[in-house]
Amino acid sequence: MNTYRDQIVIAIQDLIICRHNLFDNIVNLAMKGELGHLDGAVDQGETYEFKMNHFRGLNDKTVNTVIEICDLIDSKIMILMEENGIDYNEVDFEN
């Protein structure tokens, strides 16, 4: 049976997964919209790792709104961790 603290870690992990999903949506929205000129710029089999800063400053209001939601989730994750004494090694940020 999970303790209260265990359940907080699970909730944080769920927020991290949600945040990663939203970031994927930011990439897809930007590549279909404002950054469409980059589509196909990477050869097949090659990869490129986008960071949030690649999308900050775009004019797309939808992309900017989803970025704001990601920022809020990041902030709330940190608050939950700090308020409950949860260390970084207790959650998987790469998930």
PDB file of N, CA and C in Angstrom:
ATOM      1  N   MET A   1       0.846  -1.181   0.000  1.00  0.00           N
ATOM      2  CA  MET A   1       0.000   0.000   0.000  1.00  0.00           C
ATOM      3  C   MET A   1       0.891   1.244   0.000  1.00  0.00           C
ATOM      4  N   ASN A   2       0.533   2.190  -0.845  1.00  0.00           N
ATOM      5  CA  ASN A   2       1.319   3.414  -0.943  1.00  0.00           C
ATOM      6  C   ASN A   2       1.064   4.330   0.239  1.00  0.00           C
ATOM      7  N   THR A   3       2.126   4.974   0.682  1.00  0.00           N
ATOM      8  CA  THR A   3       1.992   5.998   1.713  1.00  0.00           C
ATOM      9  C   THR A   3       1.573   7.300   1.034  1.00  0.00           C
ATOM     10  N   TYR A   4       1.225   8.279   1.846  1.00  0.00           N
ATOM     11  CA  TYR A   4       0.886   9.608   1.340  1.00  0.00           C
ATOM     12  C   TYR A   4       2.039  10.162   0.502  1.00  0.00           C
ATOM     13  N   ARG A   5       3.247  10.015   1.022  1.00  0.00           N
ATOM     14  CA  ARG A   5       4.448  10.513   0.320  1.00  0.00           C
ATOM     15  C   ARG A   5       4.645   9.774  -0.997  1.00  0.00           C
ATOM     16  N   ASP A   6       4.458   8.460  -0.990  1.00  0.00           N
ATOM     17  CA  ASP A   6       4.562   7.679  -2.229  1.00  0.00           C
ATOM     18  C   ASP A   6       3.578   8.198  -3.276  1.00  0.00           C
ATOM     19  N   GLN A   7       2.382   8.526  -2.824  1.00  0.00           N
ATOM     20  CA  GLN A   7       1.360   9.011  -3.754  1.00  0.00           C
ATOM     21  C   GLN A   7       1.741  10.378  -4.324  1.00  0.00           C
ATOM     22  N   ILE A   8       2.407  11.196  -3.539  1.00  0.00           N
ATOM     23  CA  ILE A   8       2.886  12.490  -4.045  1.00  0.00           C
ATOM     24  C   ILE A   8       3.922  12.256  -5.138  1.00  0.00           C
ATOM     25  N   VAL A   9       4.832  11.318  -4.923  1.00  0.00           N
ATOM     26  CA  VAL A   9       5.840  10.994  -5.942  1.00  0.00           C
ATOM     27  C   VAL A   9       5.157  10.506  -7.212  1.00  0.00           C
ATOM     28  N   ILE A  10       4.123   9.691  -7.075  1.00  0.00           N
ATOM     29  CA  ILE A  10       3.371   9.206  -8.239  1.00  0.00           C
ATOM     30  C   ILE A  10       2.711  10.390  -8.966  1.00  0.00           C
ATOM     31  N   ALA A  11       2.128  11.308  -8.214  1.00  0.00           N
ATOM     32  CA  ALA A  11       1.494  12.487  -8.813  1.00  0.00           C
ATOM     33  C   ALA A  11       2.522  13.336  -9.561  1.00  0.00           C
ATOM     34  N   ILE A  12       3.699  13.499  -8.975  1.00  0.00           N
ATOM     35  CA  ILE A  12       4.771  14.259  -9.634  1.00  0.00           C
ATOM     36  C   ILE A  12       5.188  13.549 -10.914  1.00  0.00           C
ATOM     37  N   GLN A  13       5.316  12.247 -10.851  1.00  0.00           N
ATOM     38  CA  GLN A  13       5.695  11.478 -12.038  1.00  0.00           C
ATOM     39  C   GLN A  13       4.650  11.636 -13.141  1.00  0.00           C
ATOM     40  N   ASP A  14       3.387  11.641 -12.771  1.00  0.00           N
ATOM     41  CA  ASP A  14       2.319  11.855 -13.751  1.00  0.00           C
ATOM     42  C   ASP A  14       2.412  13.245 -14.368  1.00  0.00           C
ATOM     43  N   LEU A  15       2.736  14.252 -13.561  1.00  0.00           N
ATOM     44  CA  LEU A  15       2.907  15.606 -14.086  1.00  0.00           C
ATOM     45  C   LEU A  15       4.087  15.683 -15.063  1.00  0.00           C
ATOM     46  N   ILE A  16       5.157  14.963 -14.755  1.00  0.00           N
ATOM     47  CA  ILE A  16       6.319  14.935 -15.644  1.00  0.00           C
ATOM     48  C   ILE A  16       5.939  14.318 -16.987  1.00  0.00           C
ATOM     49  N   ILE A  17       5.191  13.231 -16.947  1.00  0.00           N
ATOM     50  CA  ILE A  17       4.743  12.593 -18.192  1.00  0.00           C
ATOM     51  C   ILE A  17       3.853  13.550 -18.985  1.00  0.00           C
ATOM     52  N   CYS A  18       2.951  14.214 -18.313  1.00  0.00           N
ATOM     53  CA  CYS A  18       2.077  15.193 -18.958  1.00  0.00           C
ATOM     54  C   CYS A  18       2.892  16.298 -19.603  1.00  0.00           C
ATOM     55  N   ARG A  19       3.887  16.771 -18.900  1.00  0.00           N
ATOM     56  CA  ARG A  19       4.745  17.847 -19.395  1.00  0.00           C
ATOM     57  C   ARG A  19       5.504  17.400 -20.645  1.00  0.00           C
ATOM     58  N   HIS A  20       6.003  16.175 -20.644  1.00  0.00           N
ATOM     59  CA  HIS A  20       6.694  15.649 -21.823  1.00  0.00           C
ATOM     60  C   HIS A  20       5.739  15.543 -23.010  1.00  0.00           C
ATOM     61  N   ASN A  21       4.517  15.105 -22.759  1.00  0.00           N
ATOM     62  CA  ASN A  21       3.517  15.016 -23.827  1.00  0.00           C
ATOM     63  C   ASN A  21       3.196  16.393 -24.395  1.00  0.00           C
ATOM     64  N   LEU A  22       3.064  17.382 -23.528  1.00  0.00           N
ATOM     65  CA  LEU A  22       2.802  18.742 -23.991  1.00  0.00           C
ATOM     66  C   LEU A  22       3.978  19.287 -24.802  1.00  0.00           C
ATOM     67  N   PHE A  23       5.199  18.972 -24.385  1.00  0.00           N
ATOM     68  CA  PHE A  23       6.366  19.416 -25.147  1.00  0.00           C
ATOM     69  C   PHE A  23       6.348  18.808 -26.548  1.00  0.00           C
ATOM     70  N   ASP A  24       5.991  17.531 -26.644  1.00  0.00           N
ATOM     71  CA  ASP A  24       5.867  16.895 -27.963  1.00  0.00           C
ATOM     72  C   ASP A  24       4.845  17.638 -28.816  1.00  0.00           C
ATOM     73  N   ASN A  25       3.760  18.078 -28.195  1.00  0.00           N
ATOM     74  CA  ASN A  25       2.754  18.848 -28.918  1.00  0.00           C
ATOM     75  C   ASN A  25       3.300  20.192 -29.378  1.00  0.00           C
ATOM     76  N   ILE A  26       4.126  20.831 -28.561  1.00  0.00           N
ATOM     77  CA  ILE A  26       4.748  22.099 -28.950  1.00  0.00           C
ATOM     78  C   ILE A  26       5.600  21.892 -30.196  1.00  0.00           C
ATOM     79  N   VAL A  27       6.415  20.849 -30.180  1.00  0.00           N
ATOM     80  CA  VAL A  27       7.269  20.548 -31.336  1.00  0.00           C
ATOM     81  C   VAL A  27       6.407  20.337 -32.578  1.00  0.00           C
ATOM     82  N   ASN A  28       5.386  19.511 -32.458  1.00  0.00           N
ATOM     83  CA  ASN A  28       4.537  19.204 -33.606  1.00  0.00           C
ATOM     84  C   ASN A  28       3.786  20.431 -34.111  1.00  0.00           C
ATOM     85  N   LEU A  29       3.246  21.233 -33.204  1.00  0.00           N
ATOM     86  CA  LEU A  29       2.553  22.455 -33.622  1.00  0.00           C
ATOM     87  C   LEU A  29       3.498  23.413 -34.340  1.00  0.00           C
ATOM     88  N   ALA A  30       4.675  23.602 -33.779  1.00  0.00           N
ATOM     89  CA  ALA A  30       5.638  24.532 -34.383  1.00  0.00           C
ATOM     90  C   ALA A  30       6.102  24.035 -35.748  1.00  0.00           C
ATOM     91  N   MET A  31       6.315  22.733 -35.868  1.00  0.00           N
ATOM     92  CA  MET A  31       6.792  22.175 -37.141  1.00  0.00           C
ATOM     93  C   MET A  31       5.703  22.192 -38.214  1.00  0.00           C
ATOM     94  N   LYS A  32       4.451  22.186 -37.808  1.00  0.00           N
ATOM     95  CA  LYS A  32       3.350  22.294 -38.769  1.00  0.00           C
ATOM     96  C   LYS A  32       3.012  23.750 -39.066  1.00  0.00           C
ATOM     97  N   GLY A  33       3.500  24.635 -38.226  1.00  0.00           N
ATOM     98  CA  GLY A  33       3.192  26.049 -38.371  1.00  0.00           C
ATOM     99  C   GLY A  33       4.430  26.875 -38.650  1.00  0.00           C
ATOM    100  N   GLU A  34       4.786  27.673 -37.678  1.00  0.00           N
ATOM    101  CA  GLU A  34       5.830  28.688 -37.828  1.00  0.00           C
ATOM    102  C   GLU A  34       7.202  28.124 -38.196  1.00  0.00           C
ATOM    103  N   LEU A  35       7.517  26.933 -37.768  1.00  0.00           N
ATOM    104  CA  LEU A  35       8.819  26.338 -38.084  1.00  0.00           C
ATOM    105  C   LEU A  35       8.718  25.292 -39.197  1.00  0.00           C
ATOM    106  N   GLY A  36       7.668  25.371 -39.978  1.00  0.00           N
ATOM    107  CA  GLY A  36       7.450  24.416 -41.052  1.00  0.00           C
ATOM    108  C   GLY A  36       8.591  24.331 -42.041  1.00  0.00           C
ATOM    109  N   HIS A  37       9.328  25.418 -42.183  1.00  0.00           N
ATOM    110  CA  HIS A  37      10.467  25.428 -43.110  1.00  0.00           C
ATOM    111  C   HIS A  37      11.586  24.479 -42.670  1.00  0.00           C
ATOM    112  N   LEU A  38      11.561  24.068 -41.400  1.00  0.00           N
ATOM    113  CA  LEU A  38      12.581  23.140 -40.899  1.00  0.00           C
ATOM    114  C   LEU A  38      12.210  21.679 -41.143  1.00  0.00           C
ATOM    115  N   ASP A  39      10.956  21.448 -41.502  1.00  0.00           N
ATOM    116  CA  ASP A  39      10.506  20.080 -41.733  1.00  0.00           C
ATOM    117  C   ASP A  39      11.301  19.471 -42.881  1.00  0.00           C
ATOM    118  N   GLY A  40      11.937  18.368 -42.637  1.00  0.00           N
ATOM    119  CA  GLY A  40      12.767  17.724 -43.645  1.00  0.00           C
ATOM    120  C   GLY A  40      14.207  18.203 -43.653  1.00  0.00           C
ATOM    121  N   ALA A  41      14.551  19.114 -42.751  1.00  0.00           N
ATOM    122  CA  ALA A  41      15.924  19.644 -42.712  1.00  0.00           C
ATOM    123  C   ALA A  41      16.916  18.632 -42.144  1.00  0.00           C
ATOM    124  N   VAL A  42      16.408  17.666 -41.389  1.00  0.00           N
ATOM    125  CA  VAL A  42      17.260  16.626 -40.812  1.00  0.00           C
ATOM    126  C   VAL A  42      17.106  15.386 -41.678  1.00  0.00           C
ATOM    127  N   ASP A  43      18.231  14.821 -42.090  1.00  0.00           N
ATOM    128  CA  ASP A  43      18.197  13.630 -42.940  1.00  0.00           C
ATOM    129  C   ASP A  43      17.555  12.460 -42.211  1.00  0.00           C
ATOM    130  N   GLN A  44      16.915  11.585 -42.974  1.00  0.00           N
ATOM    131  CA  GLN A  44      16.278  10.408 -42.396  1.00  0.00           C
ATOM    132  C   GLN A  44      17.325   9.577 -41.653  1.00  0.00           C
ATOM    133  N   GLY A  45      16.978   9.148 -40.465  1.00  0.00           N
ATOM    134  CA  GLY A  45      17.893   8.391 -39.624  1.00  0.00           C
ATOM    135  C   GLY A  45      18.656   9.273 -38.649  1.00  0.00           C
ATOM    136  N   GLU A  46      18.708  10.568 -38.905  1.00  0.00           N
ATOM    137  CA  GLU A  46      19.345  11.505 -37.984  1.00  0.00           C
ATOM    138  C   GLU A  46      18.301  12.039 -37.020  1.00  0.00           C
ATOM    139  N   THR A  47      18.758  12.506 -35.889  1.00  0.00           N
ATOM    140  CA  THR A  47      17.846  13.083 -34.910  1.00  0.00           C
ATOM    141  C   THR A  47      18.316  14.471 -34.524  1.00  0.00           C
ATOM    142  N   TYR A  48      17.388  15.249 -34.046  1.00  0.00           N
ATOM    143  CA  TYR A  48      17.682  16.574 -33.522  1.00  0.00           C
ATOM    144  C   TYR A  48      16.884  16.727 -32.246  1.00  0.00           C
ATOM    145  N   GLU A  49      17.528  17.166 -31.208  1.00  0.00           N
ATOM    146  CA  GLU A  49      16.855  17.315 -29.920  1.00  0.00           C
ATOM    147  C   GLU A  49      16.486  18.774 -29.692  1.00  0.00           C
ATOM    148  N   PHE A  50      15.180  19.031 -29.697  1.00  0.00           N
ATOM    149  CA  PHE A  50      14.695  20.374 -29.426  1.00  0.00           C
ATOM    150  C   PHE A  50      14.672  20.628 -27.924  1.00  0.00           C
ATOM    151  N   LYS A  51      14.887  21.863 -27.557  1.00  0.00           N
ATOM    152  CA  LYS A  51      14.751  22.336 -26.183  1.00  0.00           C
ATOM    153  C   LYS A  51      13.645  23.387 -26.170  1.00  0.00           C
ATOM    154  N   MET A  52      13.071  23.637 -25.021  1.00  0.00           N
ATOM    155  CA  MET A  52      11.983  24.609 -24.919  1.00  0.00           C
ATOM    156  C   MET A  52      12.399  25.975 -25.464  1.00  0.00           C
ATOM    157  N   ASN A  53      13.645  26.355 -25.257  1.00  0.00           N
ATOM    158  CA  ASN A  53      14.099  27.670 -25.720  1.00  0.00           C
ATOM    159  C   ASN A  53      14.037  27.828 -27.235  1.00  0.00           C
ATOM    160  N   HIS A  54      14.007  26.723 -27.978  1.00  0.00           N
ATOM    161  CA  HIS A  54      13.855  26.814 -29.428  1.00  0.00           C
ATOM    162  C   HIS A  54      12.491  27.388 -29.815  1.00  0.00           C
ATOM    163  N   PHE A  55      11.527  27.300 -28.917  1.00  0.00           N
ATOM    164  CA  PHE A  55      10.158  27.692 -29.232  1.00  0.00           C
ATOM    165  C   PHE A  55       9.719  28.981 -28.545  1.00  0.00           C
ATOM    166  N   ARG A  56      10.476  29.400 -27.556  1.00  0.00           N
ATOM    167  CA  ARG A  56      10.145  30.664 -26.883  1.00  0.00           C
ATOM    168  C   ARG A  56      10.372  31.813 -27.871  1.00  0.00           C
ATOM    169  N   GLY A  57       9.431  32.698 -27.913  1.00  0.00           N
ATOM    170  CA  GLY A  57       9.566  33.836 -28.817  1.00  0.00           C
ATOM    171  C   GLY A  57       8.898  33.639 -30.169  1.00  0.00           C
ATOM    172  N   LEU A  58       8.348  32.434 -30.412  1.00  0.00           N
ATOM    173  CA  LEU A  58       7.583  32.258 -31.642  1.00  0.00           C
ATOM    174  C   LEU A  58       6.317  33.108 -31.547  1.00  0.00           C
ATOM    175  N   ASN A  59       5.753  33.432 -32.682  1.00  0.00           N
ATOM    176  CA  ASN A  59       4.555  34.266 -32.714  1.00  0.00           C
ATOM    177  C   ASN A  59       3.265  33.472 -32.562  1.00  0.00           C
ATOM    178  N   ASP A  60       3.338  32.159 -32.630  1.00  0.00           N
ATOM    179  CA  ASP A  60       2.165  31.299 -32.557  1.00  0.00           C
ATOM    180  C   ASP A  60       1.571  31.343 -31.149  1.00  0.00           C
ATOM    181  N   LYS A  61       0.361  31.876 -31.043  1.00  0.00           N
ATOM    182  CA  LYS A  61      -0.284  32.024 -29.737  1.00  0.00           C
ATOM    183  C   LYS A  61      -0.563  30.677 -29.080  1.00  0.00           C
ATOM    184  N   THR A  62      -0.904  29.684 -29.874  1.00  0.00           N
ATOM    185  CA  THR A  62      -1.179  28.363 -29.315  1.00  0.00           C
ATOM    186  C   THR A  62       0.081  27.751 -28.735  1.00  0.00           C
ATOM    187  N   VAL A  63       1.173  27.829 -29.481  1.00  0.00           N
ATOM    188  CA  VAL A  63       2.457  27.324 -28.984  1.00  0.00           C
ATOM    189  C   VAL A  63       2.825  28.040 -27.692  1.00  0.00           C
ATOM    190  N   ASN A  64       2.660  29.349 -27.668  1.00  0.00           N
ATOM    191  CA  ASN A  64       3.002  30.113 -26.472  1.00  0.00           C
ATOM    192  C   ASN A  64       2.125  29.749 -25.281  1.00  0.00           C
ATOM    193  N   THR A  65       0.860  29.459 -25.532  1.00  0.00           N
ATOM    194  CA  THR A  65      -0.028  29.048 -24.445  1.00  0.00           C
ATOM    195  C   THR A  65       0.402  27.698 -23.874  1.00  0.00           C
ATOM    196  N   VAL A  66       0.755  26.765 -24.738  1.00  0.00           N
ATOM    197  CA  VAL A  66       1.186  25.453 -24.259  1.00  0.00           C
ATOM    198  C   VAL A  66       2.529  25.573 -23.522  1.00  0.00           C
ATOM    199  N   ILE A  67       3.408  26.466 -23.978  1.00  0.00           N
ATOM    200  CA  ILE A  67       4.662  26.728 -23.258  1.00  0.00           C
ATOM    201  C   ILE A  67       4.359  27.238 -21.851  1.00  0.00           C
ATOM    202  N   GLU A  68       3.408  28.147 -21.742  1.00  0.00           N
ATOM    203  CA  GLU A  68       3.029  28.672 -20.421  1.00  0.00           C
ATOM    204  C   GLU A  68       2.514  27.557 -19.515  1.00  0.00           C
ATOM    205  N   ILE A  69       1.744  26.636 -20.072  1.00  0.00           N
ATOM    206  CA  ILE A  69       1.235  25.507 -19.287  1.00  0.00           C
ATOM    207  C   ILE A  69       2.404  24.633 -18.819  1.00  0.00           C
ATOM    208  N   CYS A  70       3.362  24.380 -19.712  1.00  0.00           N
ATOM    209  CA  CYS A  70       4.551  23.600 -19.318  1.00  0.00           C
ATOM    210  C   CYS A  70       5.321  24.298 -18.203  1.00  0.00           C
ATOM    211  N   ASP A  71       5.467  25.610 -18.323  1.00  0.00           N
ATOM    212  CA  ASP A  71       6.168  26.373 -17.281  1.00  0.00           C
ATOM    213  C   ASP A  71       5.446  26.270 -15.947  1.00  0.00           C
ATOM    214  N   LEU A  72       4.122  26.318 -15.988  1.00  0.00           N
ATOM    215  CA  LEU A  72       3.336  26.189 -14.766  1.00  0.00           C
ATOM    216  C   LEU A  72       3.513  24.803 -14.156  1.00  0.00           C
ATOM    217  N   ILE A  73       3.463  23.780 -14.991  1.00  0.00           N
ATOM    218  CA  ILE A  73       3.669  22.413 -14.499  1.00  0.00           C
ATOM    219  C   ILE A  73       5.051  22.284 -13.870  1.00  0.00           C
ATOM    220  N   ASP A  74       6.092  22.820 -14.547  1.00  0.00           N
ATOM    221  CA  ASP A  74       7.450  22.778 -13.987  1.00  0.00           C
ATOM    222  C   ASP A  74       7.497  23.427 -12.612  1.00  0.00           C
ATOM    223  N   SER A  75       6.873  24.586 -12.501  1.00  0.00           N
ATOM    224  CA  SER A  75       6.863  25.312 -11.236  1.00  0.00           C
ATOM    225  C   SER A  75       6.149  24.523 -10.141  1.00  0.00           C
ATOM    226  N   LYS A  76       5.019  23.941 -10.475  1.00  0.00           N
ATOM    227  CA  LYS A  76       4.250  23.175  -9.490  1.00  0.00           C
ATOM    228  C   LYS A  76       4.970  21.898  -9.079  1.00  0.00           C
ATOM    229  N   ILE A  77       5.674  21.267 -10.007  1.00  0.00           N
ATOM    230  CA  ILE A  77       6.476  20.086  -9.661  1.00  0.00           C
ATOM    231  C   ILE A  77       7.518  20.466  -8.621  1.00  0.00           C
ATOM    232  N   MET A  78       8.212  21.580  -8.845  1.00  0.00           N
ATOM    233  CA  MET A  78       9.244  22.018  -7.899  1.00  0.00           C
ATOM    234  C   MET A  78       8.638  22.340  -6.534  1.00  0.00           C
ATOM    235  N   ILE A  79       7.480  22.982  -6.534  1.00  0.00           N
ATOM    236  CA  ILE A  79       6.819  23.307  -5.270  1.00  0.00           C
ATOM    237  C   ILE A  79       6.450  22.026  -4.520  1.00  0.00           C
ATOM    238  N   LEU A  80       5.854  21.065  -5.228  1.00  0.00           N
ATOM    239  CA  LEU A  80       5.487  19.796  -4.588  1.00  0.00           C
ATOM    240  C   LEU A  80       6.711  19.096  -4.009  1.00  0.00           C
ATOM    241  N   MET A  81       7.803  19.117  -4.744  1.00  0.00           N
ATOM    242  CA  MET A  81       9.021  18.460  -4.270  1.00  0.00           C
ATOM    243  C   MET A  81       9.574  19.170  -3.041  1.00  0.00           C
ATOM    244  N   GLU A  82       9.640  20.499  -3.099  1.00  0.00           N
ATOM    245  CA  GLU A  82      10.193  21.259  -1.974  1.00  0.00           C
ATOM    246  C   GLU A  82       9.328  21.124  -0.724  1.00  0.00           C
ATOM    247  N   GLU A  83       8.014  21.258  -0.891  1.00  0.00           N
ATOM    248  CA  GLU A  83       7.110  21.220   0.261  1.00  0.00           C
ATOM    249  C   GLU A  83       7.052  19.842   0.918  1.00  0.00           C
ATOM    250  N   ASN A  84       7.393  18.808   0.168  1.00  0.00           N
ATOM    251  CA  ASN A  84       7.279  17.446   0.689  1.00  0.00           C
ATOM    252  C   ASN A  84       8.623  16.756   0.848  1.00  0.00           C
ATOM    253  N   GLY A  85       9.716  17.512   0.707  1.00  0.00           N
ATOM    254  CA  GLY A  85      11.047  16.964   0.923  1.00  0.00           C
ATOM    255  C   GLY A  85      11.399  15.835  -0.034  1.00  0.00           C
ATOM    256  N   ILE A  86      10.940  15.947  -1.260  1.00  0.00           N
ATOM    257  CA  ILE A  86      11.212  14.912  -2.254  1.00  0.00           C
ATOM    258  C   ILE A  86      12.450  15.309  -3.046  1.00  0.00           C
ATOM    259  N   ASP A  87      13.413  14.411  -3.088  1.00  0.00           N
ATOM    260  CA  ASP A  87      14.694  14.659  -3.741  1.00  0.00           C
ATOM    261  C   ASP A  87      14.602  14.315  -5.229  1.00  0.00           C
ATOM    262  N   TYR A  88      15.481  14.925  -6.020  1.00  0.00           N
ATOM    263  CA  TYR A  88      15.495  14.702  -7.468  1.00  0.00           C
ATOM    264  C   TYR A  88      15.692  13.232  -7.832  1.00  0.00           C
ATOM    265  N   ASN A  89      16.418  12.490  -7.033  1.00  0.00           N
ATOM    266  CA  ASN A  89      16.666  11.089  -7.366  1.00  0.00           C
ATOM    267  C   ASN A  89      15.445  10.198  -7.093  1.00  0.00           C
ATOM    268  N   GLU A  90      14.388  10.760  -6.541  1.00  0.00           N
ATOM    269  CA  GLU A  90      13.172   9.994  -6.267  1.00  0.00           C
ATOM    270  C   GLU A  90      12.176  10.020  -7.423  1.00  0.00           C
ATOM    271  N   VAL A  91      12.449  10.873  -8.422  1.00  0.00           N
ATOM    272  CA  VAL A  91      11.556  10.967  -9.579  1.00  0.00           C
ATOM    273  C   VAL A  91      12.380  10.825 -10.848  1.00  0.00           C
ATOM    274  N   ASP A  92      11.712  10.417 -11.909  1.00  0.00           N
ATOM    275  CA  ASP A  92      12.372  10.225 -13.187  1.00  0.00           C
ATOM    276  C   ASP A  92      11.966  11.355 -14.134  1.00  0.00           C
ATOM    277  N   PHE A  93      12.854  12.325 -14.281  1.00  0.00           N
ATOM    278  CA  PHE A  93      12.565  13.469 -15.149  1.00  0.00           C
ATOM    279  C   PHE A  93      12.719  13.134 -16.622  1.00  0.00           C
ATOM    280  N   GLU A  94      13.339  12.015 -16.935  1.00  0.00           N
ATOM    281  CA  GLU A  94      13.539  11.623 -18.323  1.00  0.00           C
ATOM    282  C   GLU A  94      12.365  10.819 -18.856  1.00  0.00           C
ATOM    283  N   ASN A  95      11.446  10.447 -18.002  1.00  0.00           N
ATOM    284  CA  ASN A  95      10.320   9.596 -18.380  1.00  0.00           C
ATOM    285  C   ASN A  95       9.531  10.196 -19.504  1.00  0.00           C
TER     286      ASN A  95
END
